[in-house]
Amino acid sequence: MGVSTCPRCGAEYEYGHDGDDSFTSVSVTYHDDDRDDFAASICQDCGDELLADLTTEVEA
């Protein structure tokens, strides 16, 4: 297990490879664009908020 700091809120969260870790990983892929794809991990609480905001915007 490792510990990382959420870049969004500054909280620390644990991560590892056992599948029971509470954090959110988001990948972004730009299609037909010269920008570089990227991935970021944030704590579960920020992940829930971010995904709720994104889902609301997509449904609107």
C-alpha atoms as a PDB file:
ATOM      1  CA  MET A   1       0.000   0.000   0.000  1.00  0.00           C
ATOM      2  CA  GLY A   2       1.047   3.551  -0.674  1.00  0.00           C
ATOM      3  CA  VAL A   3      -0.208   6.948   0.388  1.00  0.00           C
ATOM      4  CA  SER A   4      -0.937   9.817  -1.947  1.00  0.00           C
ATOM      5  CA  THR A   5      -2.261  13.348  -1.519  1.00  0.00           C
ATOM      6  CA  CYS A   6      -5.393  14.383  -3.397  1.00  0.00           C
ATOM      7  CA  PRO A   7      -4.485  17.269  -5.729  1.00  0.00           C
ATOM      8  CA  ARG A   8      -8.015  18.651  -5.418  1.00  0.00           C
ATOM      9  CA  CYS A   9      -8.511  18.898  -1.628  1.00  0.00           C
ATOM     10  CA  GLY A  10      -5.143  17.937  -0.128  1.00  0.00           C
ATOM     11  CA  ALA A  11      -6.431  14.913   1.816  1.00  0.00           C
ATOM     12  CA  GLU A  12      -4.243  11.823   2.019  1.00  0.00           C
ATOM     13  CA  TYR A  13      -5.562   8.501   0.744  1.00  0.00           C
ATOM     14  CA  GLU A  14      -4.163   4.988   0.543  1.00  0.00           C
ATOM     15  CA  TYR A  15      -3.769   3.039  -2.662  1.00  0.00           C
ATOM     16  CA  GLY A  16      -2.472  -0.373  -3.588  1.00  0.00           C
ATOM     17  CA  HIS A  17      -3.360  -3.321  -5.729  1.00  0.00           C
ATOM     18  CA  ASP A  18      -5.928  -5.226  -3.682  1.00  0.00           C
ATOM     19  CA  GLY A  19      -9.022  -3.651  -5.265  1.00  0.00           C
ATOM     20  CA  ASP A  20     -10.434  -2.374  -1.960  1.00  0.00           C
ATOM     21  CA  ASP A  21      -8.855   1.063  -2.115  1.00  0.00           C
ATOM     22  CA  SER A  22     -11.140   4.078  -1.902  1.00  0.00           C
ATOM     23  CA  PHE A  23      -9.917   6.514  -4.513  1.00  0.00           C
ATOM     24  CA  THR A  24     -11.033   7.607  -7.964  1.00  0.00           C
ATOM     25  CA  SER A  25      -8.934   7.449 -11.104  1.00  0.00           C
ATOM     26  CA  VAL A  26      -9.996   9.462 -14.145  1.00  0.00           C
ATOM     27  CA  SER A  27      -8.552   9.105 -17.647  1.00  0.00           C
ATOM     28  CA  VAL A  28      -8.947  11.715 -20.357  1.00  0.00           C
ATOM     29  CA  THR A  29      -8.525  10.937 -24.028  1.00  0.00           C
ATOM     30  CA  TYR A  30      -8.557  13.704 -26.594  1.00  0.00           C
ATOM     31  CA  HIS A  31      -9.852  12.528 -29.964  1.00  0.00           C
ATOM     32  CA  ASP A  32      -8.742  14.183 -33.207  1.00  0.00           C
ATOM     33  CA  ASP A  33      -6.607  16.578 -31.199  1.00  0.00           C
ATOM     34  CA  ASP A  34      -2.905  17.202 -30.577  1.00  0.00           C
ATOM     35  CA  ARG A  35      -3.271  17.410 -26.789  1.00  0.00           C
ATOM     36  CA  ASP A  36      -1.698  14.643 -24.703  1.00  0.00           C
ATOM     37  CA  ASP A  37      -4.027  12.153 -23.013  1.00  0.00           C
ATOM     38  CA  PHE A  38      -3.651  11.929 -19.234  1.00  0.00           C
ATOM     39  CA  ALA A  39      -4.891  10.195 -16.101  1.00  0.00           C
ATOM     40  CA  ALA A  40      -5.269  11.535 -12.575  1.00  0.00           C
ATOM     41  CA  SER A  41      -6.185  10.020  -9.216  1.00  0.00           C
ATOM     42  CA  ILE A  42      -8.081  11.850  -6.483  1.00  0.00           C
ATOM     43  CA  CYS A  43      -9.616  10.861  -3.141  1.00  0.00           C
ATOM     44  CA  GLN A  44     -12.986   9.110  -3.188  1.00  0.00           C
ATOM     45  CA  ASP A  45     -14.941  12.097  -1.828  1.00  0.00           C
ATOM     46  CA  CYS A  46     -13.603  14.435  -4.530  1.00  0.00           C
ATOM     47  CA  GLY A  47     -14.139  11.700  -7.110  1.00  0.00           C
ATOM     48  CA  ASP A  48     -17.794  11.364  -6.107  1.00  0.00           C
ATOM     49  CA  GLU A  49     -18.294  15.140  -6.369  1.00  0.00           C
ATOM     50  CA  LEU A  50     -16.477  15.391  -9.703  1.00  0.00           C
ATOM     51  CA  LEU A  51     -18.406  12.508 -11.256  1.00  0.00           C
ATOM     52  CA  ALA A  52     -21.728  13.846  -9.942  1.00  0.00           C
ATOM     53  CA  ASP A  53     -20.965  17.245 -11.533  1.00  0.00           C
ATOM     54  CA  LEU A  54     -19.916  15.611 -14.790  1.00  0.00           C
ATOM     55  CA  THR A  55     -22.974  13.364 -14.917  1.00  0.00           C
ATOM     56  CA  THR A  56     -25.280  16.323 -14.256  1.00  0.00           C
ATOM     57  CA  GLU A  57     -23.651  18.342 -17.064  1.00  0.00           C
ATOM     58  CA  VAL A  58     -23.853  15.448 -19.533  1.00  0.00           C
ATOM     59  CA  GLU A  59     -27.551  14.842 -18.762  1.00  0.00           C
ATOM     60  CA  ALA A  60     -28.440  18.530 -19.160  1.00  0.00           C
END
